[in-house]
Amino acid sequence: MVRRISHLVDMVDSVEAAKGDCCGGGRSAGRAVPGQVPCGGNTGLADTLKNGAGGSAGPRPHELLEAALASCMTISARMALDERGLADVKVSVSVTLERADAETRFRYDLVLDPPVDERHHKAVAERIARSPVRETLSKSLSFEPV
């Protein structure tokens, strides 16, 4: 299964870490209820369609993972460009999540518009390779009930 999420960010002034519960949905008369996703001071919806239940009231939970990685990489790229005096360059990062039995793979594509020289592109690519969400997802994970 492959989904694509793209984020285009022209300017980033500040970033607040997302905190809160996720996917607080349930079932009502056999139909999946979209889950509220409170993050910081914002609330969104997550939804999915499975076995005839649910819908498309919001992004699927796996799409939220793609969006988290794409937005973090975009912010990291934006910061790297700003540090190099390239504030007019637009950043687009597309992330595709591929789930297989033995491995989950995140594929990403960095596009800078207008294109920059190889030296700057390499520096931006290195920065997004160290983006905080990528580093988090690259570590061994464990899951524990609270």
Protein backbone atom coordinates (compact mmCIF):
# COMPACT_ATOMS: atom_id res chain seq x y z
CA MET A 1 0.00 0.00 0.00
CA VAL A 2 1.44 3.37 -1.02
CA ARG A 3 0.13 6.83 -0.16
CA ARG A 4 1.74 10.16 -0.97
CA ILE A 5 1.67 13.29 1.19
CA SER A 6 3.27 16.50 -0.04
CA HIS A 7 3.97 19.62 1.95
CA LEU A 8 4.97 22.97 0.53
CA VAL A 9 6.21 25.51 3.02
CA ASP A 10 7.26 28.99 1.91
CA MET A 11 8.02 30.43 5.34
CA VAL A 12 8.32 28.86 8.78
CA ASP A 13 8.33 31.26 11.73
CA SER A 14 8.11 28.84 14.65
CA VAL A 15 7.35 25.24 15.43
CA GLU A 16 5.61 23.90 18.54
CA ALA A 17 6.05 20.25 19.42
CA ALA A 18 2.85 18.26 18.98
CA LYS A 19 1.52 16.86 22.22
CA GLY A 20 -1.67 15.07 23.08
CA ASP A 21 -3.72 11.98 22.54
CA CYS A 22 -4.06 10.44 19.10
CA CYS A 23 -6.79 8.58 17.29
CA GLY A 24 -9.47 8.67 19.97
CA GLY A 25 -12.07 7.17 17.65
CA GLY A 26 -14.48 4.36 18.31
CA ARG A 27 -17.40 2.52 16.77
CA SER A 28 -21.01 3.55 16.56
CA ALA A 29 -23.57 1.11 15.16
CA GLY A 30 -20.83 -0.84 13.36
CA ARG A 31 -19.40 2.25 11.66
CA ALA A 32 -15.96 3.55 12.60
CA VAL A 33 -16.05 7.01 14.11
CA PRO A 34 -13.26 9.38 13.07
CA GLY A 35 -10.69 9.84 15.81
CA GLN A 36 -9.93 13.28 17.18
CA VAL A 37 -6.25 14.12 17.08
CA PRO A 38 -5.42 16.84 19.61
CA CYS A 39 -1.92 18.20 19.02
CA GLY A 40 -0.72 21.22 20.96
CA GLY A 41 -3.56 23.73 20.77
CA ASN A 42 -5.02 22.25 17.58
CA THR A 43 -7.43 19.40 16.95
CA GLY A 44 -7.89 17.46 13.74
CA LEU A 45 -9.53 14.23 12.63
CA ALA A 46 -8.05 10.95 11.54
CA ASP A 47 -10.19 8.43 9.68
CA THR A 48 -9.84 5.34 7.59
CA LEU A 49 -12.01 2.98 5.57
CA LYS A 50 -11.64 -0.68 6.42
CA ASN A 51 -14.03 -3.59 5.88
CA GLY A 52 -16.77 -1.19 4.82
CA ALA A 53 -16.55 0.91 7.99
CA GLY A 54 -15.16 4.40 8.35
CA GLY A 55 -14.64 7.05 5.75
CA SER A 56 -12.48 9.96 4.73
CA ALA A 57 -13.24 12.66 7.30
CA GLY A 58 -9.49 13.13 7.80
CA PRO A 59 -6.13 11.64 6.91
CA ARG A 60 -5.47 7.98 7.64
CA PRO A 61 -3.23 7.35 10.66
CA HIS A 62 -0.39 6.19 8.38
CA GLU A 63 -0.77 9.39 6.37
CA LEU A 64 -0.21 11.30 9.61
CA LEU A 65 3.16 9.52 9.91
CA GLU A 66 4.01 10.58 6.36
CA ALA A 67 2.90 14.13 7.09
CA ALA A 68 4.94 14.29 10.30
CA LEU A 69 8.11 13.23 8.50
CA ALA A 70 7.48 15.43 5.43
CA SER A 71 6.72 18.52 7.51
CA CYS A 72 9.79 18.03 9.73
CA MET A 73 12.04 17.53 6.70
CA THR A 74 10.52 20.61 5.06
CA ILE A 75 11.19 22.71 8.16
CA SER A 76 14.76 21.39 8.36
CA ALA A 77 15.33 22.20 4.68
CA ARG A 78 13.82 25.67 5.11
CA MET A 79 16.18 26.36 8.02
CA ALA A 80 19.21 25.18 6.03
CA LEU A 81 18.26 27.38 3.07
CA ASP A 82 17.68 30.41 5.28
CA GLU A 83 21.11 29.93 6.89
CA ARG A 84 22.64 30.04 3.40
CA GLY A 85 20.78 33.22 2.44
CA LEU A 86 18.41 31.35 0.11
CA ALA A 87 15.11 32.46 1.67
CA ASP A 88 13.42 32.80 -1.76
CA VAL A 89 13.82 29.11 -2.61
CA LYS A 90 10.61 27.11 -2.13
CA VAL A 91 10.81 23.68 -0.51
CA SER A 92 8.68 20.65 -1.26
CA VAL A 93 9.18 17.27 0.41
CA SER A 94 7.03 14.31 -0.61
CA VAL A 95 7.01 11.23 1.61
CA THR A 96 5.70 7.79 0.71
CA LEU A 97 5.25 5.11 3.36
CA GLU A 98 5.60 1.54 2.17
CA ARG A 99 4.61 -1.20 4.60
CA ALA A 100 5.87 -4.73 4.12
CA ASP A 101 5.98 -7.74 6.44
CA ALA A 102 9.64 -7.34 7.41
CA GLU A 103 10.24 -3.63 6.90
CA THR A 104 8.57 -0.25 6.83
CA ARG A 105 10.19 2.08 4.30
CA PHE A 106 9.83 5.84 4.07
CA ARG A 107 10.76 7.17 0.63
CA TYR A 108 11.14 10.90 0.21
CA ASP A 109 11.76 13.39 -2.54
CA LEU A 110 13.25 16.84 -1.93
CA VAL A 111 12.46 19.51 -4.52
CA LEU A 112 13.90 23.01 -4.37
CA ASP A 113 12.40 25.68 -6.63
CA PRO A 114 14.28 27.29 -8.20
CA PRO A 115 16.98 24.62 -8.16
CA VAL A 116 20.14 25.51 -6.26
CA ASP A 117 23.74 24.57 -7.00
CA GLU A 118 24.99 21.13 -6.02
CA ARG A 119 26.83 22.41 -2.94
CA HIS A 120 23.68 23.96 -1.44
CA HIS A 121 21.49 21.02 -2.46
CA LYS A 122 23.87 18.59 -0.75
CA ALA A 123 23.86 20.69 2.44
CA VAL A 124 20.05 20.76 2.49
CA ALA A 125 19.86 17.01 1.81
CA GLU A 126 22.27 16.36 4.70
CA ARG A 127 20.15 18.55 6.99
CA ILE A 128 16.91 16.69 6.23
CA ALA A 129 18.74 13.39 6.77
CA ARG A 130 19.23 14.60 10.37
CA SER A 131 15.73 16.00 10.86
CA PRO A 132 14.31 15.26 14.33
CA VAL A 133 11.35 13.14 13.19
CA ARG A 134 13.56 11.08 10.88
CA GLU A 135 15.98 10.49 13.75
CA THR A 136 13.08 9.47 16.01
CA LEU A 137 11.66 7.04 13.43
CA SER A 138 15.13 5.59 12.78
CA LYS A 139 15.58 4.41 16.35
CA SER A 140 14.38 1.16 17.81
CA LEU A 141 10.78 1.58 18.97
CA SER A 142 8.97 0.18 21.98
CA PHE A 143 5.34 0.50 23.00
CA GLU A 144 4.18 0.50 26.62
CA PRO A 145 0.75 1.16 28.09
CA VAL A 146 0.63 4.03 30.59
